[in-house]
């Protein structure tokens, strides 16, 4: 049972690392906190945390990301709006 759990964690870690390397590339922007790492380009935001990956799609291009009090604030390129979107 221990070997099965260990191999499952290894596969999960490898898959997360593989996705991280695919997402990270030219033209991407990064934001890192103590718990999470964010990568965004265009309208896609990937959050890597505790061997788990979450995708946050956006209607508009993402300009900046900030995490504060366990909430994610996303500034988009929407015209005539300066209010960041809030998730969490």
Protein backbone atom coordinates (compact mmCIF):
# COMPACT_ATOMS: atom_id res chain seq x y z
CA UNK A 1 0.00 0.00 0.00
CA UNK A 2 2.86 2.38 0.78
CA UNK A 3 4.40 1.75 -2.63
CA UNK A 4 1.10 2.43 -4.38
CA UNK A 5 0.69 5.73 -2.55
CA UNK A 6 4.30 6.72 -3.22
CA UNK A 7 4.02 5.91 -6.93
CA UNK A 8 0.74 7.86 -7.15
CA UNK A 9 2.40 10.90 -5.58
CA UNK A 10 5.36 10.56 -7.94
CA UNK A 11 3.10 10.43 -10.99
CA UNK A 12 1.09 13.41 -9.71
CA UNK A 13 4.26 15.42 -9.10
CA UNK A 14 5.65 14.52 -12.52
CA UNK A 15 2.38 15.48 -14.26
CA UNK A 16 2.28 18.81 -12.42
CA UNK A 17 5.92 19.52 -13.29
CA UNK A 18 5.29 18.54 -16.91
CA UNK A 19 2.34 20.94 -17.16
CA UNK A 20 4.37 23.68 -15.44
CA UNK A 21 7.13 23.31 -18.06
CA UNK A 22 4.62 23.34 -20.92
CA UNK A 23 2.88 26.47 -19.65
CA UNK A 24 6.08 28.32 -18.78
CA UNK A 25 7.52 29.71 -21.97
CA UNK A 26 8.23 32.85 -23.93
CA UNK A 27 5.90 35.71 -23.22
CA UNK A 28 4.54 34.38 -19.93
CA UNK A 29 4.40 36.40 -16.75
CA UNK A 30 4.98 34.96 -13.29
CA UNK A 31 3.77 35.79 -9.81
CA UNK A 32 4.96 33.81 -6.79
CA UNK A 33 3.80 33.74 -3.18
CA UNK A 34 4.93 31.55 -0.29
CA UNK A 35 2.25 28.97 -1.09
CA UNK A 36 1.55 29.34 -4.80
CA UNK A 37 3.10 30.06 -8.17
CA UNK A 38 1.05 31.76 -10.89
CA UNK A 39 1.82 31.81 -14.60
CA UNK A 40 -0.31 33.82 -17.00
CA UNK A 41 -0.32 34.74 -20.66
CA UNK A 42 -3.18 36.14 -22.65
CA UNK A 43 -6.49 34.97 -21.18
CA UNK A 44 -5.19 31.97 -19.20
CA UNK A 45 -3.99 31.93 -15.60
CA UNK A 46 -2.48 28.77 -14.11
CA UNK A 47 -2.11 28.39 -10.36
CA UNK A 48 0.35 25.76 -9.09
CA UNK A 49 -0.11 24.94 -5.41
CA UNK A 50 0.57 21.81 -3.33
CA UNK A 51 1.02 19.58 -6.38
CA UNK A 52 -2.32 20.75 -7.76
CA UNK A 53 -2.89 22.86 -10.85
CA UNK A 54 -5.88 25.15 -11.36
CA UNK A 55 -6.75 26.99 -14.57
CA UNK A 56 -8.62 30.31 -14.36
CA UNK A 57 -9.86 31.31 -17.83
CA UNK A 58 -10.60 34.99 -18.40
CA UNK A 59 -12.82 36.81 -20.87
CA UNK A 60 -10.14 39.47 -21.30
CA UNK A 61 -6.32 39.36 -21.42
CA UNK A 62 -4.77 39.21 -17.95
CA UNK A 63 -2.44 42.09 -17.09
CA UNK A 64 -1.55 41.40 -13.44
CA UNK A 65 -2.22 38.96 -10.60
CA UNK A 66 -2.00 39.47 -6.84
CA UNK A 67 -2.89 37.20 -3.93
CA UNK A 68 -3.95 38.81 -0.66
CA UNK A 69 -5.63 37.15 2.36
CA UNK A 70 -6.10 33.90 0.39
CA UNK A 71 -7.96 35.72 -2.39
CA UNK A 72 -6.74 36.09 -5.98
CA UNK A 73 -7.07 39.50 -7.62
CA UNK A 74 -6.80 39.58 -11.42
CA UNK A 75 -6.37 42.80 -13.38
CA UNK A 76 -7.60 42.31 -16.93
CA UNK A 77 -7.24 44.35 -20.09
CA UNK A 78 -10.94 45.17 -20.21
CA UNK A 79 -11.58 48.66 -21.56
CA UNK A 80 -13.23 51.32 -19.36
CA UNK A 81 -12.73 49.29 -16.18
CA UNK A 82 -10.06 49.61 -13.52
CA UNK A 83 -11.65 47.21 -11.04
CA UNK A 84 -9.74 43.92 -10.69
CA UNK A 85 -11.68 40.67 -10.67
CA UNK A 86 -11.66 38.76 -7.40
CA UNK A 87 -11.74 34.99 -6.92
CA UNK A 88 -11.73 33.06 -3.71
